[in-house]
């Protein structure tokens, strides 16, 4: 049993060293991916800003069209009596 303890200690140390190396490699990969993402984002931002700068400015609203607002009465259809609606339903064969 004493031999098992002696054999486990070097293998445990080796395992810890391998895990540390794997962790360093993983961290380097993570940092490389993050740097690539930042570079791509910066490139796309520059392209978008250049596109927006080259595009003509949006047309501004004139004072005449900006001042007119439609009222609720003007946009809302005139209400009709329920009896008219029921008559239309009967004519269309919806209600018997």
PDB file of N, CA and C in Angstrom:
ATOM      1  N   UNK A   1       0.823  -1.184   0.000  1.00  0.00           N
ATOM      2  CA  UNK A   1       0.000   0.000   0.000  1.00  0.00           C
ATOM      3  C   UNK A   1       0.867   1.247   0.000  1.00  0.00           C
ATOM      4  N   UNK A   2       1.987   1.188   0.638  1.00  0.00           N
ATOM      5  CA  UNK A   2       2.904   2.317   0.671  1.00  0.00           C
ATOM      6  C   UNK A   2       3.454   2.589  -0.718  1.00  0.00           C
ATOM      7  N   UNK A   3       3.593   1.545  -1.533  1.00  0.00           N
ATOM      8  CA  UNK A   3       4.088   1.724  -2.893  1.00  0.00           C
ATOM      9  C   UNK A   3       3.096   2.506  -3.746  1.00  0.00           C
ATOM     10  N   UNK A   4       1.798   2.280  -3.526  1.00  0.00           N
ATOM     11  CA  UNK A   4       0.771   2.979  -4.290  1.00  0.00           C
ATOM     12  C   UNK A   4       0.820   4.481  -4.037  1.00  0.00           C
ATOM     13  N   UNK A   5       1.045   4.871  -2.799  1.00  0.00           N
ATOM     14  CA  UNK A   5       1.106   6.279  -2.439  1.00  0.00           C
ATOM     15  C   UNK A   5       2.316   6.935  -3.093  1.00  0.00           C
ATOM     16  N   UNK A   6       3.433   6.229  -3.118  1.00  0.00           N
ATOM     17  CA  UNK A   6       4.648   6.776  -3.723  1.00  0.00           C
ATOM     18  C   UNK A   6       4.485   6.923  -5.237  1.00  0.00           C
ATOM     19  N   UNK A   7       3.804   5.990  -5.872  1.00  0.00           N
ATOM     20  CA  UNK A   7       3.603   6.040  -7.319  1.00  0.00           C
ATOM     21  C   UNK A   7       2.575   7.103  -7.713  1.00  0.00           C
ATOM     22  N   UNK A   8       1.617   7.375  -6.862  1.00  0.00           N
ATOM     23  CA  UNK A   8       0.573   8.349  -7.173  1.00  0.00           C
ATOM     24  C   UNK A   8       1.091   9.780  -7.114  1.00  0.00           C
ATOM     25  N   UNK A   9       2.040  10.027  -6.250  1.00  0.00           N
ATOM     26  CA  UNK A   9       2.520  11.398  -6.073  1.00  0.00           C
ATOM     27  C   UNK A   9       3.191  11.938  -7.348  1.00  0.00           C
ATOM     28  N   UNK A  10       4.093  11.227  -7.983  1.00  0.00           N
ATOM     29  CA  UNK A  10       4.691  11.749  -9.216  1.00  0.00           C
ATOM     30  C   UNK A  10       3.665  11.890 -10.354  1.00  0.00           C
ATOM     31  N   UNK A  11       2.750  10.943 -10.426  1.00  0.00           N
ATOM     32  CA  UNK A  11       1.749  11.035 -11.488  1.00  0.00           C
ATOM     33  C   UNK A  11       0.789  12.197 -11.235  1.00  0.00           C
ATOM     34  N   UNK A  12       0.510  12.487  -9.977  1.00  0.00           N
ATOM     35  CA  UNK A  12      -0.345  13.623  -9.655  1.00  0.00           C
ATOM     36  C   UNK A  12       0.352  14.928 -10.014  1.00  0.00           C
ATOM     37  N   UNK A  13       1.652  14.998  -9.730  1.00  0.00           N
ATOM     38  CA  UNK A  13       2.402  16.204 -10.083  1.00  0.00           C
ATOM     39  C   UNK A  13       2.469  16.373 -11.595  1.00  0.00           C
ATOM     40  N   UNK A  14       2.670  15.252 -12.307  1.00  0.00           N
ATOM     41  CA  UNK A  14       2.710  15.297 -13.764  1.00  0.00           C
ATOM     42  C   UNK A  14       1.360  15.753 -14.321  1.00  0.00           C
ATOM     43  N   UNK A  15       0.288  15.227 -13.746  1.00  0.00           N
ATOM     44  CA  UNK A  15      -1.059  15.603 -14.179  1.00  0.00           C
ATOM     45  C   UNK A  15      -1.300  17.100 -13.951  1.00  0.00           C
ATOM     46  N   UNK A  16      -0.849  17.619 -12.811  1.00  0.00           N
ATOM     47  CA  UNK A  16      -1.011  19.047 -12.518  1.00  0.00           C
ATOM     48  C   UNK A  16      -0.231  19.899 -13.514  1.00  0.00           C
ATOM     49  N   UNK A  17       0.973  19.457 -13.861  1.00  0.00           N
ATOM     50  CA  UNK A  17       1.771  20.192 -14.844  1.00  0.00           C
ATOM     51  C   UNK A  17       1.100  20.195 -16.221  1.00  0.00           C
ATOM     52  N   UNK A  18       0.549  19.057 -16.606  1.00  0.00           N
ATOM     53  CA  UNK A  18      -0.140  18.963 -17.892  1.00  0.00           C
ATOM     54  C   UNK A  18      -1.387  19.855 -17.902  1.00  0.00           C
ATOM     55  N   UNK A  19      -2.103  19.863 -16.783  1.00  0.00           N
ATOM     56  CA  UNK A  19      -3.286  20.714 -16.702  1.00  0.00           C
ATOM     57  C   UNK A  19      -2.902  22.187 -16.781  1.00  0.00           C
ATOM     58  N   UNK A  20      -1.800  22.560 -16.159  1.00  0.00           N
ATOM     59  CA  UNK A  20      -1.335  23.941 -16.211  1.00  0.00           C
ATOM     60  C   UNK A  20      -0.967  24.325 -17.643  1.00  0.00           C
ATOM     61  N   UNK A  21      -0.281  23.415 -18.353  1.00  0.00           N
ATOM     62  CA  UNK A  21       0.070  23.679 -19.746  1.00  0.00           C
ATOM     63  C   UNK A  21      -1.178  23.791 -20.614  1.00  0.00           C
ATOM     64  N   UNK A  22      -2.140  22.893 -20.402  1.00  0.00           N
ATOM     65  CA  UNK A  22      -3.395  22.942 -21.147  1.00  0.00           C
ATOM     66  C   UNK A  22      -4.139  24.247 -20.873  1.00  0.00           C
ATOM     67  N   UNK A  23      -4.106  24.680 -19.636  1.00  0.00           N
ATOM     68  CA  UNK A  23      -4.755  25.938 -19.275  1.00  0.00           C
ATOM     69  C   UNK A  23      -4.101  27.124 -19.970  1.00  0.00           C
ATOM     70  N   UNK A  24      -2.770  27.112 -20.042  1.00  0.00           N
ATOM     71  CA  UNK A  24      -2.061  28.196 -20.731  1.00  0.00           C
ATOM     72  C   UNK A  24      -2.403  28.207 -22.218  1.00  0.00           C
ATOM     73  N   UNK A  25      -2.450  27.019 -22.834  1.00  0.00           N
ATOM     74  CA  UNK A  25      -2.797  26.932 -24.262  1.00  0.00           C
ATOM     75  C   UNK A  25      -4.225  27.417 -24.497  1.00  0.00           C
ATOM     76  N   UNK A  26      -5.121  27.014 -23.633  1.00  0.00           N
ATOM     77  CA  UNK A  26      -6.522  27.424 -23.772  1.00  0.00           C
ATOM     78  C   UNK A  26      -6.650  28.935 -23.623  1.00  0.00           C
ATOM     79  N   UNK A  27      -5.915  29.503 -22.690  1.00  0.00           N
ATOM     80  CA  UNK A  27      -5.968  30.947 -22.482  1.00  0.00           C
ATOM     81  C   UNK A  27      -5.418  31.689 -23.692  1.00  0.00           C
ATOM     82  N   UNK A  28      -4.335  31.174 -24.273  1.00  0.00           N
ATOM     83  CA  UNK A  28      -3.781  31.796 -25.476  1.00  0.00           C
ATOM     84  C   UNK A  28      -4.771  31.737 -26.636  1.00  0.00           C
ATOM     85  N   UNK A  29      -5.444  30.590 -26.791  1.00  0.00           N
ATOM     86  CA  UNK A  29      -6.465  30.461 -27.838  1.00  0.00           C
ATOM     87  C   UNK A  29      -7.603  31.450 -27.606  1.00  0.00           C
ATOM     88  N   UNK A  30      -8.031  31.552 -26.375  1.00  0.00           N
ATOM     89  CA  UNK A  30      -9.123  32.461 -26.018  1.00  0.00           C
ATOM     90  C   UNK A  30      -8.737  33.906 -26.329  1.00  0.00           C
ATOM     91  N   UNK A  31      -7.527  34.294 -25.943  1.00  0.00           N
ATOM     92  CA  UNK A  31      -7.073  35.662 -26.189  1.00  0.00           C
ATOM     93  C   UNK A  31      -6.913  35.936 -27.681  1.00  0.00           C
ATOM     94  N   UNK A  32      -6.462  34.943 -28.443  1.00  0.00           N
ATOM     95  CA  UNK A  32      -6.310  35.113 -29.890  1.00  0.00           C
ATOM     96  C   UNK A  32      -7.674  35.301 -30.546  1.00  0.00           C
ATOM     97  N   UNK A  33      -8.655  34.514 -30.130  1.00  0.00           N
ATOM     98  CA  UNK A  33     -10.008  34.651 -30.679  1.00  0.00           C
ATOM     99  C   UNK A  33     -10.596  36.007 -30.320  1.00  0.00           C
ATOM    100  N   UNK A  34     -10.376  36.459 -29.102  1.00  0.00           N
ATOM    101  CA  UNK A  34     -10.893  37.764 -28.681  1.00  0.00           C
ATOM    102  C   UNK A  34     -10.245  38.885 -29.486  1.00  0.00           C
ATOM    103  N   UNK A  35      -8.950  38.793 -29.736  1.00  0.00           N
ATOM    104  CA  UNK A  35      -8.257  39.809 -30.529  1.00  0.00           C
ATOM    105  C   UNK A  35      -8.776  39.811 -31.965  1.00  0.00           C
ATOM    106  N   UNK A  36      -9.011  38.635 -32.528  1.00  0.00           N
ATOM    107  CA  UNK A  36      -9.542  38.545 -33.886  1.00  0.00           C
ATOM    108  C   UNK A  36     -10.943  39.146 -33.953  1.00  0.00           C
ATOM    109  N   UNK A  37     -11.747  38.891 -32.938  1.00  0.00           N
ATOM    110  CA  UNK A  37     -13.098  39.446 -32.898  1.00  0.00           C
ATOM    111  C   UNK A  37     -13.063  40.971 -32.809  1.00  0.00           C
ATOM    112  N   UNK A  38     -12.176  41.503 -31.972  1.00  0.00           N
ATOM    113  CA  UNK A  38     -12.048  42.961 -31.864  1.00  0.00           C
ATOM    114  C   UNK A  38     -11.599  43.574 -33.183  1.00  0.00           C
ATOM    115  N   UNK A  39     -10.657  42.925 -33.863  1.00  0.00           N
ATOM    116  CA  UNK A  39     -10.170  43.432 -35.149  1.00  0.00           C
ATOM    117  C   UNK A  39     -11.285  43.419 -36.186  1.00  0.00           C
ATOM    118  N   UNK A  40     -12.059  42.336 -36.219  1.00  0.00           N
ATOM    119  CA  UNK A  40     -13.155  42.236 -37.182  1.00  0.00           C
ATOM    120  C   UNK A  40     -14.222  43.283 -36.890  1.00  0.00           C
ATOM    121  N   UNK A  41     -14.525  43.487 -35.614  1.00  0.00           N
ATOM    122  CA  UNK A  41     -15.521  44.479 -35.221  1.00  0.00           C
ATOM    123  C   UNK A  41     -15.067  45.883 -35.624  1.00  0.00           C
ATOM    124  N   UNK A  42     -13.796  46.185 -35.411  1.00  0.00           N
ATOM    125  CA  UNK A  42     -13.259  47.502 -35.773  1.00  0.00           C
ATOM    126  C   UNK A  42     -13.309  47.711 -37.285  1.00  0.00           C
ATOM    127  N   UNK A  43     -12.994  46.677 -38.045  1.00  0.00           N
ATOM    128  CA  UNK A  43     -13.041  46.769 -39.505  1.00  0.00           C
ATOM    129  C   UNK A  43     -14.468  47.019 -39.980  1.00  0.00           C
ATOM    130  N   UNK A  44     -15.414  46.271 -39.435  1.00  0.00           N
ATOM    131  CA  UNK A  44     -16.814  46.437 -39.832  1.00  0.00           C
ATOM    132  C   UNK A  44     -17.335  47.812 -39.427  1.00  0.00           C
ATOM    133  N   UNK A  45     -16.923  48.309 -38.265  1.00  0.00           N
ATOM    134  CA  UNK A  45     -17.332  49.642 -37.824  1.00  0.00           C
ATOM    135  C   UNK A  45     -16.808  50.701 -38.792  1.00  0.00           C
ATOM    136  N   UNK A  46     -15.554  50.564 -39.202  1.00  0.00           N
ATOM    137  CA  UNK A  46     -14.974  51.520 -40.141  1.00  0.00           C
ATOM    138  C   UNK A  46     -15.711  51.483 -41.477  1.00  0.00           C
ATOM    139  N   UNK A  47     -16.038  50.290 -41.959  1.00  0.00           N
ATOM    140  CA  UNK A  47     -16.791  50.174 -43.210  1.00  0.00           C
ATOM    141  C   UNK A  47     -18.178  50.796 -43.092  1.00  0.00           C
ATOM    142  N   UNK A  48     -18.840  50.580 -41.964  1.00  0.00           N
ATOM    143  CA  UNK A  48     -20.175  51.154 -41.771  1.00  0.00           C
ATOM    144  C   UNK A  48     -20.115  52.671 -41.722  1.00  0.00           C
ATOM    145  N   UNK A  49     -19.140  53.196 -41.001  1.00  0.00           N
ATOM    146  CA  UNK A  49     -19.015  54.651 -40.916  1.00  0.00           C
ATOM    147  C   UNK A  49     -18.693  55.258 -42.280  1.00  0.00           C
ATOM    148  N   UNK A  50     -17.868  54.591 -43.063  1.00  0.00           N
ATOM    149  CA  UNK A  50     -17.554  55.083 -44.403  1.00  0.00           C
ATOM    150  C   UNK A  50     -18.788  55.042 -45.290  1.00  0.00           C
ATOM    151  N   UNK A  51     -19.565  53.983 -45.177  1.00  0.00           N
ATOM    152  CA  UNK A  51     -20.793  53.871 -45.978  1.00  0.00           C
ATOM    153  C   UNK A  51     -21.780  54.961 -45.594  1.00  0.00           C
ATOM    154  N   UNK A  52     -21.933  55.182 -44.283  1.00  0.00           N
ATOM    155  CA  UNK A  52     -22.866  56.211 -43.822  1.00  0.00           C
ATOM    156  C   UNK A  52     -22.406  57.605 -44.227  1.00  0.00           C
ATOM    157  N   UNK A  53     -21.110  57.838 -44.244  1.00  0.00           N
ATOM    158  CA  UNK A  53     -20.596  59.151 -44.626  1.00  0.00           C
ATOM    159  C   UNK A  53     -20.794  59.393 -46.118  1.00  0.00           C
ATOM    160  N   UNK A  54     -20.738  58.338 -46.934  1.00  0.00           N
ATOM    161  CA  UNK A  54     -20.888  58.477 -48.375  1.00  0.00           C
ATOM    162  C   UNK A  54     -22.347  58.608 -48.792  1.00  0.00           C
ATOM    163  N   UNK A  55     -23.263  58.127 -47.977  1.00  0.00           N
ATOM    164  CA  UNK A  55     -24.687  58.172 -48.308  1.00  0.00           C
ATOM    165  C   UNK A  55     -25.203  59.604 -48.169  1.00  0.00           C
ATOM    166  N   UNK A  56     -26.147  59.981 -49.036  1.00  0.00           N
ATOM    167  CA  UNK A  56     -26.702  61.332 -48.910  1.00  0.00           C
ATOM    168  C   UNK A  56     -27.511  61.452 -47.620  1.00  0.00           C
ATOM    169  N   UNK A  57     -27.554  62.654 -47.062  1.00  0.00           N
ATOM    170  CA  UNK A  57     -28.311  62.812 -45.809  1.00  0.00           C
ATOM    171  C   UNK A  57     -29.803  62.602 -46.047  1.00  0.00           C
ATOM    172  N   UNK A  58     -30.471  62.155 -45.037  1.00  0.00           N
ATOM    173  CA  UNK A  58     -31.910  61.915 -45.127  1.00  0.00           C
ATOM    174  C   UNK A  58     -32.633  63.238 -45.304  1.00  0.00           C
ATOM    175  N   UNK A  59     -33.716  63.207 -46.056  1.00  0.00           N
ATOM    176  CA  UNK A  59     -34.479  64.422 -46.304  1.00  0.00           C
ATOM    177  C   UNK A  59     -35.136  64.886 -45.008  1.00  0.00           C
ATOM    178  N   UNK A  60     -35.012  66.175 -44.741  1.00  0.00           N
ATOM    179  CA  UNK A  60     -35.612  66.735 -43.536  1.00  0.00           C
ATOM    180  C   UNK A  60     -37.085  67.037 -43.793  1.00  0.00           C
ATOM    181  N   UNK A  61     -37.898  66.941 -42.771  1.00  0.00           N
ATOM    182  CA  UNK A  61     -39.314  67.257 -42.905  1.00  0.00           C
ATOM    183  C   UNK A  61     -39.489  68.756 -43.058  1.00  0.00           C
ATOM    184  N   UNK A  62     -40.429  69.123 -43.893  1.00  0.00           N
ATOM    185  CA  UNK A  62     -40.707  70.547 -44.043  1.00  0.00           C
ATOM    186  C   UNK A  62     -41.618  71.001 -42.923  1.00  0.00           C
ATOM    187  N   UNK A  63     -41.639  72.300 -42.697  1.00  0.00           N
ATOM    188  CA  UNK A  63     -42.469  72.822 -41.618  1.00  0.00           C
ATOM    189  C   UNK A  63     -43.947  72.609 -41.900  1.00  0.00           C
ATOM    190  N   UNK A  64     -44.336  72.697 -43.168  1.00  0.00           N
ATOM    191  CA  UNK A  64     -45.752  72.551 -43.507  1.00  0.00           C
ATOM    192  C   UNK A  64     -46.239  71.135 -43.223  1.00  0.00           C
ATOM    193  N   UNK A  65     -45.447  70.130 -43.594  1.00  0.00           N
ATOM    194  CA  UNK A  65     -45.901  68.755 -43.375  1.00  0.00           C
ATOM    195  C   UNK A  65     -45.739  68.343 -41.922  1.00  0.00           C
ATOM    196  N   UNK A  66     -44.793  68.952 -41.222  1.00  0.00           N
ATOM    197  CA  UNK A  66     -44.579  68.601 -39.824  1.00  0.00           C
ATOM    198  C   UNK A  66     -45.682  69.155 -38.934  1.00  0.00           C
ATOM    199  N   UNK A  67     -46.277  70.255 -39.329  1.00  0.00           N
ATOM    200  CA  UNK A  67     -47.282  70.894 -38.495  1.00  0.00           C
ATOM    201  C   UNK A  67     -48.644  70.235 -38.579  1.00  0.00           C
ATOM    202  N   UNK A  68     -48.916  69.544 -39.666  1.00  0.00           N
ATOM    203  CA  UNK A  68     -50.233  68.920 -39.831  1.00  0.00           C
ATOM    204  C   UNK A  68     -50.257  67.562 -39.153  1.00  0.00           C
ATOM    205  N   UNK A  69     -51.234  67.397 -38.314  1.00  0.00           N
ATOM    206  CA  UNK A  69     -51.434  66.103 -37.673  1.00  0.00           C
ATOM    207  C   UNK A  69     -52.864  65.681 -37.928  1.00  0.00           C
ATOM    208  N   UNK A  70     -53.033  64.430 -38.199  1.00  0.00           N
ATOM    209  CA  UNK A  70     -54.376  63.922 -38.406  1.00  0.00           C
ATOM    210  C   UNK A  70     -55.027  63.693 -37.056  1.00  0.00           C
ATOM    211  N   UNK A  71     -56.258  64.080 -36.953  1.00  0.00           N
ATOM    212  CA  UNK A  71     -56.980  63.868 -35.708  1.00  0.00           C
ATOM    213  C   UNK A  71     -57.580  62.472 -35.717  1.00  0.00           C
ATOM    214  N   UNK A  72     -57.986  62.038 -34.569  1.00  0.00           N
ATOM    215  CA  UNK A  72     -58.573  60.703 -34.446  1.00  0.00           C
ATOM    216  C   UNK A  72     -59.872  60.617 -35.234  1.00  0.00           C
ATOM    217  N   UNK A  73     -60.630  61.700 -35.280  1.00  0.00           N
ATOM    218  CA  UNK A  73     -61.886  61.680 -36.020  1.00  0.00           C
ATOM    219  C   UNK A  73     -61.641  61.546 -37.516  1.00  0.00           C
ATOM    220  N   UNK A  74     -60.606  62.201 -38.014  1.00  0.00           N
ATOM    221  CA  UNK A  74     -60.333  62.171 -39.443  1.00  0.00           C
ATOM    222  C   UNK A  74     -59.860  60.783 -39.886  1.00  0.00           C
ATOM    223  N   UNK A  75     -59.120  60.098 -39.067  1.00  0.00           N
ATOM    224  CA  UNK A  75     -58.599  58.797 -39.458  1.00  0.00           C
ATOM    225  C   UNK A  75     -59.552  57.657 -39.112  1.00  0.00           C
ATOM    226  N   UNK A  76     -60.405  57.837 -38.136  1.00  0.00           N
ATOM    227  CA  UNK A  76     -61.310  56.779 -37.706  1.00  0.00           C
ATOM    228  C   UNK A  76     -62.544  56.762 -38.604  1.00  0.00           C
ATOM    229  N   UNK A  77     -62.939  55.580 -39.007  1.00  0.00           N
ATOM    230  CA  UNK A  77     -64.135  55.441 -39.825  1.00  0.00           C
ATOM    231  C   UNK A  77     -65.357  55.780 -38.975  1.00  0.00           C
ATOM    232  N   UNK A  78     -66.335  56.343 -39.647  1.00  0.00           N
ATOM    233  CA  UNK A  78     -67.556  56.735 -38.938  1.00  0.00           C
ATOM    234  C   UNK A  78     -68.276  55.478 -38.463  1.00  0.00           C
ATOM    235  N   UNK A  79     -68.665  55.475 -37.212  1.00  0.00           N
ATOM    236  CA  UNK A  79     -69.361  54.330 -36.635  1.00  0.00           C
ATOM    237  C   UNK A  79     -70.770  54.258 -37.206  1.00  0.00           C
ATOM    238  N   UNK A  80     -71.208  53.045 -37.448  1.00  0.00           N
ATOM    239  CA  UNK A  80     -72.573  52.878 -37.952  1.00  0.00           C
ATOM    240  C   UNK A  80     -73.371  52.081 -36.937  1.00  0.00           C
ATOM    241  N   UNK A  81     -74.650  52.199 -36.984  1.00  0.00           N
ATOM    242  CA  UNK A  81     -75.498  51.511 -35.998  1.00  0.00           C
ATOM    243  C   UNK A  81     -75.391  49.988 -36.120  1.00  0.00           C
ATOM    244  N   UNK A  82     -75.619  49.329 -35.018  1.00  0.00           N
ATOM    245  CA  UNK A  82     -75.569  47.884 -34.963  1.00  0.00           C
ATOM    246  C   UNK A  82     -76.607  47.257 -35.886  1.00  0.00           C
ATOM    247  N   UNK A  83     -77.749  47.873 -35.985  1.00  0.00           N
ATOM    248  CA  UNK A  83     -78.802  47.314 -36.840  1.00  0.00           C
ATOM    249  C   UNK A  83     -78.352  47.262 -38.300  1.00  0.00           C
ATOM    250  N   UNK A  84     -77.614  48.273 -38.761  1.00  0.00           N
ATOM    251  CA  UNK A  84     -77.103  48.250 -40.138  1.00  0.00           C
ATOM    252  C   UNK A  84     -76.105  47.101 -40.324  1.00  0.00           C
ATOM    253  N   UNK A  85     -75.257  46.920 -39.346  1.00  0.00           N
ATOM    254  CA  UNK A  85     -74.275  45.854 -39.435  1.00  0.00           C
ATOM    255  C   UNK A  85     -74.964  44.500 -39.476  1.00  0.00           C
ATOM    256  N   UNK A  86     -75.980  44.316 -38.630  1.00  0.00           N
ATOM    257  CA  UNK A  86     -76.712  43.051 -38.612  1.00  0.00           C
ATOM    258  C   UNK A  86     -77.428  42.816 -39.936  1.00  0.00           C
ATOM    259  N   UNK A  87     -77.969  43.864 -40.516  1.00  0.00           N
ATOM    260  CA  UNK A  87     -78.632  43.722 -41.816  1.00  0.00           C
ATOM    261  C   UNK A  87     -77.628  43.290 -42.885  1.00  0.00           C
ATOM    262  N   UNK A  88     -76.450  43.866 -42.869  1.00  0.00           N
ATOM    263  CA  UNK A  88     -75.417  43.477 -43.835  1.00  0.00           C
ATOM    264  C   UNK A  88     -75.008  42.017 -43.640  1.00  0.00           C
ATOM    265  N   UNK A  89     -74.926  41.590 -42.396  1.00  0.00           N
ATOM    266  CA  UNK A  89     -74.574  40.205 -42.118  1.00  0.00           C
ATOM    267  C   UNK A  89     -75.645  39.258 -42.648  1.00  0.00           C
ATOM    268  N   UNK A  90     -76.900  39.650 -42.496  1.00  0.00           N
ATOM    269  CA  UNK A  90     -78.010  38.812 -42.977  1.00  0.00           C
ATOM    270  C   UNK A  90     -77.989  38.733 -44.497  1.00  0.00           C
ATOM    271  N   UNK A  91     -77.697  39.854 -45.153  1.00  0.00           N
ATOM    272  CA  UNK A  91     -77.635  39.866 -46.633  1.00  0.00           C
ATOM    273  C   UNK A  91     -76.514  38.981 -47.133  1.00  0.00           C
ATOM    274  N   UNK A  92     -75.410  38.963 -46.428  1.00  0.00           N
ATOM    275  CA  UNK A  92     -74.274  38.168 -46.857  1.00  0.00           C
ATOM    276  C   UNK A  92     -74.410  36.688 -46.494  1.00  0.00           C
ATOM    277  N   UNK A  93     -75.477  36.353 -45.802  1.00  0.00           N
ATOM    278  CA  UNK A  93     -75.724  34.963 -45.447  1.00  0.00           C
ATOM    279  C   UNK A  93     -74.973  34.525 -44.203  1.00  0.00           C
ATOM    280  N   UNK A  94     -74.495  35.481 -43.448  1.00  0.00           N
ATOM    281  CA  UNK A  94     -73.752  35.133 -42.235  1.00  0.00           C
ATOM    282  C   UNK A  94     -74.699  34.821 -41.086  1.00  0.00           C
ATOM    283  N   UNK A  95     -75.792  35.503 -41.036  1.00  0.00           N
ATOM    284  CA  UNK A  95     -76.736  35.275 -39.938  1.00  0.00           C
ATOM    285  C   UNK A  95     -78.099  34.946 -40.536  1.00  0.00           C
ATOM    286  N   UNK A  96     -78.748  33.984 -39.956  1.00  0.00           N
ATOM    287  CA  UNK A  96     -80.095  33.616 -40.450  1.00  0.00           C
ATOM    288  C   UNK A  96     -81.124  33.840 -39.396  1.00  0.00           C
TER     289      UNK A  96
END
